[in-house]
Amino acid sequence: MQGSVRGFFFILVILLVPAGLQAADNPFIGAWKFNADRSKPGDRSATLTFAAYGADGLKFTRDIIEATGNPAYWEWSANFDGKDYKFTGSPNYDSLSVKHVDSNTFLATHKKGGKVMTSAWYTVSKDGKMLGVTTAGVNAQGKEVLFFSVYDKQ
């Protein structure tokens, strides 16, 4: 019995340590609050949350009150392998792929029906306190979009 308990804890440590190390090394992990004063154009409010996902990925959620006053909730989980993953909550996208640019920046390519709609560059400041997101492309109606959003680490 004692040996099986020890074995269980050994396996638990083996499984949890890599996830903990990934989270500690990833500047995106955590919650980010929308800074309306530094964003153009922008939502009324938003909170982004990133968590570790898979071997080398992120789980993303976004709680939003859009500029129109409508609430929305976006979610995706993806590895940084350039493959398409499901995107839920936006009428403009149904999938995305993500790729590392450097240790503080990644590129998300948003798609609808397999067609690229927008690209978004997510960059965490060197001090880890601010996240900038630049999104450019077209929405589901074909209208050009260009957003720069700033988020403060919570």
N, C-alpha and C. Protein backbone atom coordinates (compact mmCIF):
# COMPACT_ATOMS: atom_id res chain seq x y z
N MET A 1 0.83 -1.19 0.00
CA MET A 1 0.00 0.00 0.00
C MET A 1 0.87 1.26 0.00
N GLN A 2 1.87 1.30 0.89
CA GLN A 2 2.72 2.47 0.98
C GLN A 2 3.47 2.70 -0.34
N GLY A 3 3.91 1.63 -0.97
CA GLY A 3 4.62 1.74 -2.25
C GLY A 3 3.73 2.27 -3.35
N SER A 4 2.44 1.88 -3.35
CA SER A 4 1.54 2.37 -4.39
C SER A 4 1.22 3.85 -4.19
N VAL A 5 1.13 4.30 -2.93
CA VAL A 5 0.90 5.72 -2.66
C VAL A 5 2.10 6.52 -3.12
N ARG A 6 3.30 6.03 -2.81
CA ARG A 6 4.52 6.71 -3.25
C ARG A 6 4.57 6.76 -4.78
N GLY A 7 4.20 5.68 -5.42
CA GLY A 7 4.18 5.62 -6.88
C GLY A 7 3.19 6.61 -7.48
N PHE A 8 2.02 6.72 -6.82
CA PHE A 8 1.01 7.67 -7.27
C PHE A 8 1.55 9.10 -7.22
N PHE A 9 2.18 9.48 -6.11
CA PHE A 9 2.72 10.83 -5.98
C PHE A 9 3.85 11.08 -6.96
N PHE A 10 4.65 10.06 -7.23
CA PHE A 10 5.74 10.20 -8.22
C PHE A 10 5.14 10.50 -9.60
N ILE A 11 4.11 9.74 -9.97
CA ILE A 11 3.46 9.96 -11.27
C ILE A 11 2.81 11.34 -11.30
N LEU A 12 2.17 11.74 -10.20
CA LEU A 12 1.54 13.05 -10.13
C LEU A 12 2.57 14.16 -10.33
N VAL A 13 3.72 14.06 -9.69
CA VAL A 13 4.79 15.05 -9.85
C VAL A 13 5.28 15.08 -11.28
N ILE A 14 5.46 13.93 -11.89
CA ILE A 14 5.92 13.85 -13.28
C ILE A 14 4.94 14.55 -14.21
N LEU A 15 3.64 14.37 -13.95
CA LEU A 15 2.62 14.98 -14.82
C LEU A 15 2.46 16.48 -14.58
N LEU A 16 2.59 16.94 -13.35
CA LEU A 16 2.32 18.34 -13.04
C LEU A 16 3.51 19.27 -13.20
N VAL A 17 4.70 18.80 -13.00
CA VAL A 17 5.87 19.67 -13.08
C VAL A 17 6.03 20.28 -14.47
N PRO A 18 5.94 19.52 -15.58
CA PRO A 18 6.08 20.18 -16.88
C PRO A 18 5.03 21.27 -17.11
N ALA A 19 3.78 21.04 -16.71
CA ALA A 19 2.74 22.06 -16.88
C ALA A 19 3.08 23.29 -16.06
N GLY A 20 3.56 23.10 -14.86
CA GLY A 20 3.94 24.22 -14.01
C GLY A 20 5.11 24.99 -14.59
N LEU A 21 6.08 24.28 -15.13
CA LEU A 21 7.22 24.95 -15.75
C LEU A 21 6.80 25.72 -16.98
N GLN A 22 5.91 25.13 -17.78
CA GLN A 22 5.43 25.81 -18.97
C GLN A 22 4.72 27.11 -18.57
N ALA A 23 3.86 27.04 -17.57
CA ALA A 23 3.12 28.22 -17.14
C ALA A 23 4.07 29.29 -16.60
N ALA A 24 5.09 28.87 -15.85
CA ALA A 24 6.03 29.82 -15.27
C ALA A 24 6.85 30.52 -16.34
N ASP A 25 7.14 29.83 -17.43
CA ASP A 25 7.96 30.39 -18.50
C ASP A 25 7.16 31.16 -19.55
N ASN A 26 5.85 31.09 -19.49
CA ASN A 26 5.01 31.67 -20.52
C ASN A 26 4.46 33.02 -20.03
N PRO A 27 4.87 34.13 -20.65
CA PRO A 27 4.43 35.45 -20.17
C PRO A 27 2.94 35.72 -20.40
N PHE A 28 2.26 34.91 -21.20
CA PHE A 28 0.84 35.13 -21.49
C PHE A 28 -0.07 34.58 -20.41
N ILE A 29 0.38 33.57 -19.67
CA ILE A 29 -0.45 32.89 -18.69
C ILE A 29 -0.99 33.87 -17.65
N GLY A 30 -2.29 33.81 -17.42
CA GLY A 30 -2.93 34.66 -16.42
C GLY A 30 -4.08 35.45 -17.01
N ALA A 31 -4.57 36.41 -16.23
CA ALA A 31 -5.71 37.25 -16.63
C ALA A 31 -5.22 38.64 -17.01
N TRP A 32 -5.88 39.22 -18.02
CA TRP A 32 -5.54 40.54 -18.56
C TRP A 32 -6.81 41.35 -18.67
N LYS A 33 -6.79 42.58 -18.18
CA LYS A 33 -7.96 43.48 -18.21
C LYS A 33 -7.79 44.53 -19.29
N PHE A 34 -8.83 44.73 -20.07
CA PHE A 34 -8.84 45.69 -21.17
C PHE A 34 -8.60 47.10 -20.67
N ASN A 35 -7.73 47.85 -21.34
CA ASN A 35 -7.44 49.25 -21.03
C ASN A 35 -8.03 50.10 -22.16
N ALA A 36 -9.26 50.58 -21.97
CA ALA A 36 -9.98 51.33 -23.01
C ALA A 36 -9.26 52.62 -23.40
N ASP A 37 -8.59 53.25 -22.46
CA ASP A 37 -7.92 54.52 -22.75
C ASP A 37 -6.75 54.37 -23.71
N ARG A 38 -6.18 53.19 -23.77
CA ARG A 38 -5.00 52.97 -24.62
C ARG A 38 -5.31 52.16 -25.87
N SER A 39 -6.59 51.84 -26.12
CA SER A 39 -7.00 50.98 -27.23
C SER A 39 -7.77 51.78 -28.26
N LYS A 40 -7.66 51.37 -29.55
CA LYS A 40 -8.34 52.07 -30.65
C LYS A 40 -8.82 51.10 -31.70
N PRO A 41 -10.01 51.17 -32.25
CA PRO A 41 -11.19 51.44 -31.43
C PRO A 41 -11.31 50.30 -30.44
N GLY A 42 -12.29 50.34 -29.60
CA GLY A 42 -12.29 49.30 -28.58
C GLY A 42 -13.64 48.87 -28.09
N ASP A 43 -13.59 47.81 -27.33
CA ASP A 43 -14.76 47.33 -26.63
C ASP A 43 -14.99 48.21 -25.41
N ARG A 44 -16.12 48.03 -24.76
CA ARG A 44 -16.37 48.75 -23.51
C ARG A 44 -15.53 48.14 -22.39
N SER A 45 -15.49 46.82 -22.37
CA SER A 45 -14.66 46.13 -21.38
C SER A 45 -14.36 44.72 -21.89
N ALA A 46 -13.30 44.15 -21.38
CA ALA A 46 -12.95 42.78 -21.75
C ALA A 46 -11.92 42.25 -20.76
N THR A 47 -11.99 40.97 -20.53
CA THR A 47 -10.96 40.27 -19.76
C THR A 47 -10.51 39.07 -20.57
N LEU A 48 -9.20 38.99 -20.81
CA LEU A 48 -8.62 37.83 -21.47
C LEU A 48 -8.00 36.94 -20.41
N THR A 49 -8.10 35.65 -20.60
CA THR A 49 -7.43 34.70 -19.70
C THR A 49 -6.72 33.67 -20.56
N PHE A 50 -5.45 33.45 -20.24
CA PHE A 50 -4.65 32.42 -20.90
C PHE A 50 -4.24 31.37 -19.87
N ALA A 51 -4.33 30.11 -20.25
CA ALA A 51 -3.87 29.00 -19.42
C ALA A 51 -3.06 28.06 -20.31
N ALA A 52 -2.22 27.25 -19.70
CA ALA A 52 -1.44 26.27 -20.44
C ALA A 52 -2.38 25.25 -21.07
N TYR A 53 -2.02 24.79 -22.28
CA TYR A 53 -2.82 23.79 -23.00
C TYR A 53 -1.87 22.87 -23.74
N GLY A 54 -2.07 21.58 -23.61
CA GLY A 54 -1.26 20.62 -24.35
C GLY A 54 0.22 20.73 -24.05
N ALA A 55 1.01 20.25 -24.99
CA ALA A 55 2.46 20.25 -24.82
C ALA A 55 3.06 21.64 -24.97
N ASP A 56 2.49 22.43 -25.87
CA ASP A 56 3.04 23.76 -26.14
C ASP A 56 1.94 24.67 -26.67
N GLY A 57 0.93 24.89 -25.86
CA GLY A 57 -0.18 25.69 -26.36
C GLY A 57 -0.82 26.54 -25.29
N LEU A 58 -1.91 27.18 -25.70
CA LEU A 58 -2.66 28.05 -24.80
C LEU A 58 -4.14 27.76 -24.90
N LYS A 59 -4.82 27.90 -23.77
CA LYS A 59 -6.28 27.95 -23.74
C LYS A 59 -6.61 29.42 -23.51
N PHE A 60 -7.48 29.97 -24.34
CA PHE A 60 -7.81 31.39 -24.35
C PHE A 60 -9.29 31.57 -24.11
N THR A 61 -9.65 32.49 -23.22
CA THR A 61 -11.04 32.91 -23.08
C THR A 61 -11.07 34.44 -23.07
N ARG A 62 -12.16 34.97 -23.57
CA ARG A 62 -12.33 36.43 -23.62
C ARG A 62 -13.77 36.76 -23.27
N ASP A 63 -13.98 37.40 -22.12
CA ASP A 63 -15.28 37.92 -21.72
C ASP A 63 -15.33 39.38 -22.14
N ILE A 64 -16.35 39.75 -22.93
CA ILE A 64 -16.37 41.06 -23.56
C ILE A 64 -17.72 41.74 -23.35
N ILE A 65 -17.67 43.06 -23.22
CA ILE A 65 -18.83 43.91 -23.48
C ILE A 65 -18.38 44.73 -24.69
N GLU A 66 -18.96 44.43 -25.84
CA GLU A 66 -18.56 45.08 -27.09
C GLU A 66 -18.91 46.56 -27.08
N ALA A 67 -18.37 47.31 -28.02
CA ALA A 67 -18.65 48.74 -28.14
C ALA A 67 -20.15 49.01 -28.28
N THR A 68 -20.87 48.05 -28.86
CA THR A 68 -22.33 48.17 -29.02
C THR A 68 -23.09 47.91 -27.73
N GLY A 69 -22.39 47.43 -26.69
CA GLY A 69 -23.02 47.10 -25.42
C GLY A 69 -23.40 45.63 -25.30
N ASN A 70 -23.20 44.86 -26.37
CA ASN A 70 -23.55 43.44 -26.35
C ASN A 70 -22.45 42.62 -25.67
N PRO A 71 -22.85 41.67 -24.82
CA PRO A 71 -21.86 40.78 -24.20
C PRO A 71 -21.46 39.68 -25.18
N ALA A 72 -20.25 39.18 -25.03
CA ALA A 72 -19.78 38.06 -25.86
C ALA A 72 -18.75 37.28 -25.06
N TYR A 73 -18.56 36.03 -25.46
CA TYR A 73 -17.58 35.16 -24.81
C TYR A 73 -16.89 34.36 -25.91
N TRP A 74 -15.59 34.52 -26.04
CA TRP A 74 -14.81 33.79 -27.03
C TRP A 74 -13.97 32.74 -26.32
N GLU A 75 -13.68 31.66 -27.04
CA GLU A 75 -12.84 30.62 -26.47
C GLU A 75 -12.14 29.83 -27.57
N TRP A 76 -10.88 29.49 -27.31
CA TRP A 76 -10.14 28.56 -28.14
C TRP A 76 -9.03 27.92 -27.33
N SER A 77 -8.60 26.75 -27.77
CA SER A 77 -7.44 26.05 -27.21
C SER A 77 -6.64 25.56 -28.39
N ALA A 78 -5.34 25.88 -28.41
CA ALA A 78 -4.53 25.54 -29.58
C ALA A 78 -3.07 25.35 -29.19
N ASN A 79 -2.42 24.46 -29.90
CA ASN A 79 -0.97 24.30 -29.80
C ASN A 79 -0.31 25.19 -30.84
N PHE A 80 0.94 25.54 -30.61
CA PHE A 80 1.69 26.40 -31.53
C PHE A 80 2.31 25.57 -32.64
N ASP A 81 1.45 24.93 -33.43
CA ASP A 81 1.93 24.04 -34.49
C ASP A 81 1.43 24.43 -35.87
N GLY A 82 0.74 25.57 -35.97
CA GLY A 82 0.25 26.04 -37.26
C GLY A 82 -1.00 25.32 -37.76
N LYS A 83 -1.52 24.36 -37.00
CA LYS A 83 -2.74 23.64 -37.40
C LYS A 83 -3.96 24.43 -36.95
N ASP A 84 -5.09 24.16 -37.62
CA ASP A 84 -6.34 24.83 -37.28
C ASP A 84 -7.00 24.19 -36.06
N TYR A 85 -7.52 25.05 -35.17
CA TYR A 85 -8.24 24.63 -33.97
C TYR A 85 -9.56 25.38 -33.91
N LYS A 86 -10.54 24.81 -33.23
CA LYS A 86 -11.88 25.38 -33.11
C LYS A 86 -11.85 26.70 -32.34
N PHE A 87 -12.59 27.68 -32.85
CA PHE A 87 -12.76 28.99 -32.23
C PHE A 87 -14.26 29.17 -32.02
N THR A 88 -14.69 29.45 -30.79
CA THR A 88 -16.12 29.62 -30.55
C THR A 88 -16.41 31.02 -29.99
N GLY A 89 -17.62 31.51 -30.28
CA GLY A 89 -18.09 32.75 -29.69
C GLY A 89 -18.10 33.95 -30.62
N SER A 90 -17.40 33.90 -31.72
CA SER A 90 -17.36 35.04 -32.63
C SER A 90 -18.09 34.73 -33.93
N PRO A 91 -18.92 35.66 -34.42
CA PRO A 91 -19.57 35.44 -35.72
C PRO A 91 -18.57 35.56 -36.88
N ASN A 92 -17.39 36.09 -36.60
CA ASN A 92 -16.40 36.32 -37.65
C ASN A 92 -15.42 35.17 -37.86
N TYR A 93 -15.31 34.26 -36.88
CA TYR A 93 -14.31 33.18 -36.95
C TYR A 93 -14.91 31.87 -36.47
N ASP A 94 -14.41 30.76 -37.03
CA ASP A 94 -14.77 29.45 -36.51
C ASP A 94 -13.54 28.58 -36.24
N SER A 95 -12.36 29.07 -36.65
CA SER A 95 -11.12 28.36 -36.36
C SER A 95 -9.96 29.34 -36.35
N LEU A 96 -8.83 28.87 -35.82
CA LEU A 96 -7.61 29.67 -35.84
C LEU A 96 -6.41 28.76 -35.78
N SER A 97 -5.27 29.31 -36.15
CA SER A 97 -3.98 28.65 -35.95
C SER A 97 -3.08 29.65 -35.26
N VAL A 98 -2.14 29.15 -34.46
CA VAL A 98 -1.22 30.03 -33.74
C VAL A 98 0.22 29.59 -33.97
N LYS A 99 1.11 30.59 -34.04
CA LYS A 99 2.55 30.33 -34.22
C LYS A 99 3.33 31.31 -33.36
N HIS A 100 4.42 30.82 -32.76
CA HIS A 100 5.32 31.71 -32.02
C HIS A 100 6.04 32.63 -32.98
N VAL A 101 6.19 33.88 -32.61
CA VAL A 101 7.05 34.82 -33.33
C VAL A 101 8.36 34.93 -32.55
N ASP A 102 8.24 35.14 -31.24
CA ASP A 102 9.37 35.09 -30.32
C ASP A 102 8.81 34.77 -28.93
N SER A 103 9.62 34.84 -27.89
CA SER A 103 9.16 34.43 -26.56
C SER A 103 8.05 35.31 -26.00
N ASN A 104 7.88 36.54 -26.51
CA ASN A 104 6.84 37.44 -26.01
C ASN A 104 5.77 37.75 -27.04
N THR A 105 5.82 37.12 -28.21
CA THR A 105 4.86 37.42 -29.27
C THR A 105 4.41 36.14 -29.96
N PHE A 106 3.10 36.08 -30.25
CA PHE A 106 2.61 35.02 -31.13
C PHE A 106 1.62 35.61 -32.12
N LEU A 107 1.45 34.91 -33.23
CA LEU A 107 0.54 35.30 -34.29
C LEU A 107 -0.63 34.32 -34.32
N ALA A 108 -1.84 34.85 -34.25
CA ALA A 108 -3.05 34.05 -34.39
C ALA A 108 -3.69 34.39 -35.73
N THR A 109 -3.95 33.38 -36.54
CA THR A 109 -4.62 33.56 -37.82
C THR A 109 -6.05 33.04 -37.67
N HIS A 110 -7.02 33.96 -37.76
CA HIS A 110 -8.43 33.64 -37.58
C HIS A 110 -9.07 33.32 -38.92
N LYS A 111 -9.91 32.26 -38.95
CA LYS A 111 -10.52 31.82 -40.20
C LYS A 111 -12.02 31.60 -40.02
N LYS A 112 -12.72 31.68 -41.14
CA LYS A 112 -14.16 31.37 -41.19
C LYS A 112 -14.36 30.51 -42.43
N GLY A 113 -14.83 29.27 -42.23
CA GLY A 113 -15.01 28.35 -43.37
C GLY A 113 -13.72 28.08 -44.11
N GLY A 114 -12.60 28.09 -43.43
CA GLY A 114 -11.29 27.83 -44.04
C GLY A 114 -10.62 29.05 -44.66
N LYS A 115 -11.34 30.17 -44.75
CA LYS A 115 -10.81 31.39 -45.34
C LYS A 115 -10.21 32.28 -44.26
N VAL A 116 -9.00 32.78 -44.48
CA VAL A 116 -8.37 33.69 -43.52
C VAL A 116 -9.16 34.99 -43.48
N MET A 117 -9.53 35.40 -42.26
CA MET A 117 -10.28 36.63 -42.06
C MET A 117 -9.38 37.72 -41.46
N THR A 118 -8.72 37.41 -40.35
CA THR A 118 -7.84 38.38 -39.70
C THR A 118 -6.60 37.69 -39.17
N SER A 119 -5.60 38.50 -38.93
CA SER A 119 -4.39 38.07 -38.23
C SER A 119 -4.26 38.96 -37.01
N ALA A 120 -3.86 38.35 -35.89
CA ALA A 120 -3.71 39.12 -34.65
C ALA A 120 -2.34 38.80 -34.05
N TRP A 121 -1.59 39.86 -33.76
CA TRP A 121 -0.28 39.73 -33.12
C TRP A 121 -0.47 40.07 -31.65
N TYR A 122 -0.15 39.11 -30.78
CA TYR A 122 -0.23 39.26 -29.32
C TYR A 122 1.19 39.43 -28.80
N THR A 123 1.47 40.56 -28.13
CA THR A 123 2.80 40.83 -27.62
C THR A 123 2.74 41.27 -26.17
N VAL A 124 3.49 40.57 -25.31
CA VAL A 124 3.61 40.94 -23.91
C VAL A 124 4.84 41.82 -23.75
N SER A 125 4.70 42.92 -23.02
CA SER A 125 5.83 43.83 -22.77
C SER A 125 6.94 43.09 -22.03
N LYS A 126 8.15 43.62 -22.14
CA LYS A 126 9.32 42.99 -21.50
C LYS A 126 9.14 42.85 -20.00
N ASP A 127 8.44 43.81 -19.36
CA ASP A 127 8.24 43.72 -17.90
C ASP A 127 7.05 42.82 -17.54
N GLY A 128 6.32 42.29 -18.55
CA GLY A 128 5.23 41.37 -18.32
C GLY A 128 3.96 41.99 -17.78
N LYS A 129 3.85 43.32 -17.80
CA LYS A 129 2.69 44.00 -17.21
C LYS A 129 1.63 44.42 -18.22
N MET A 130 1.97 44.39 -19.51
CA MET A 130 1.04 44.88 -20.53
C MET A 130 1.03 43.93 -21.72
N LEU A 131 -0.15 43.76 -22.29
CA LEU A 131 -0.34 42.93 -23.48
C LEU A 131 -0.93 43.81 -24.56
N GLY A 132 -0.30 43.86 -25.72
CA GLY A 132 -0.83 44.57 -26.88
C GLY A 132 -1.30 43.57 -27.91
N VAL A 133 -2.47 43.81 -28.49
CA VAL A 133 -3.02 42.93 -29.52
C VAL A 133 -3.39 43.79 -30.73
N THR A 134 -2.74 43.53 -31.85
CA THR A 134 -3.04 44.22 -33.10
C THR A 134 -3.74 43.23 -34.02
N THR A 135 -4.96 43.58 -34.45
CA THR A 135 -5.76 42.71 -35.30
C THR A 135 -6.07 43.43 -36.60
N ALA A 136 -5.80 42.75 -37.72
CA ALA A 136 -6.05 43.35 -39.03
C ALA A 136 -6.62 42.31 -39.98
N GLY A 137 -7.53 42.75 -40.86
CA GLY A 137 -8.12 41.86 -41.86
C GLY A 137 -9.52 42.30 -42.20
N VAL A 138 -10.43 41.33 -42.35
CA VAL A 138 -11.83 41.63 -42.68
C VAL A 138 -12.75 40.83 -41.76
N ASN A 139 -13.95 41.38 -41.50
CA ASN A 139 -14.93 40.65 -40.70
C ASN A 139 -15.78 39.77 -41.63
N ALA A 140 -16.78 39.10 -41.07
CA ALA A 140 -17.61 38.17 -41.85
C ALA A 140 -18.39 38.87 -42.96
N GLN A 141 -18.61 40.19 -42.84
CA GLN A 141 -19.32 40.96 -43.86
C GLN A 141 -18.36 41.51 -44.93
N GLY A 142 -17.07 41.22 -44.80
CA GLY A 142 -16.09 41.69 -45.77
C GLY A 142 -15.57 43.09 -45.49
N LYS A 143 -15.96 43.67 -44.38
CA LYS A 143 -15.52 45.02 -44.01
C LYS A 143 -14.12 44.94 -43.37
N GLU A 144 -13.23 45.85 -43.80
CA GLU A 144 -11.89 45.88 -43.24
C GLU A 144 -11.92 46.25 -41.76
N VAL A 145 -11.09 45.57 -40.98
CA VAL A 145 -10.97 45.86 -39.56
C VAL A 145 -9.50 46.07 -39.21
N LEU A 146 -9.27 46.99 -38.30
CA LEU A 146 -7.95 47.23 -37.75
C LEU A 146 -8.14 47.69 -36.32
N PHE A 147 -7.69 46.88 -35.38
CA PHE A 147 -7.83 47.18 -33.95
C PHE A 147 -6.48 47.10 -33.28
N PHE A 148 -6.27 47.97 -32.31
CA PHE A 148 -5.13 47.85 -31.41
C PHE A 148 -5.69 47.90 -30.01
N SER A 149 -5.54 46.80 -29.28
CA SER A 149 -6.07 46.70 -27.93
C SER A 149 -4.93 46.50 -26.95
N VAL A 150 -5.07 47.16 -25.80
CA VAL A 150 -4.08 47.06 -24.73
C VAL A 150 -4.76 46.46 -23.52
N TYR A 151 -4.07 45.55 -22.87
CA TYR A 151 -4.55 44.87 -21.67
C TYR A 151 -3.49 44.98 -20.58
N ASP A 152 -3.95 45.15 -19.34
CA ASP A 152 -3.06 45.21 -18.19
C ASP A 152 -3.13 43.88 -17.44
N LYS A 153 -1.97 43.38 -17.00
CA LYS A 153 -1.92 42.12 -16.26
C LYS A 153 -2.64 42.27 -14.93
N GLN A 154 -3.43 41.30 -14.57
CA GLN A 154 -4.18 41.30 -13.31
C GLN A 154 -3.45 40.48 -12.27
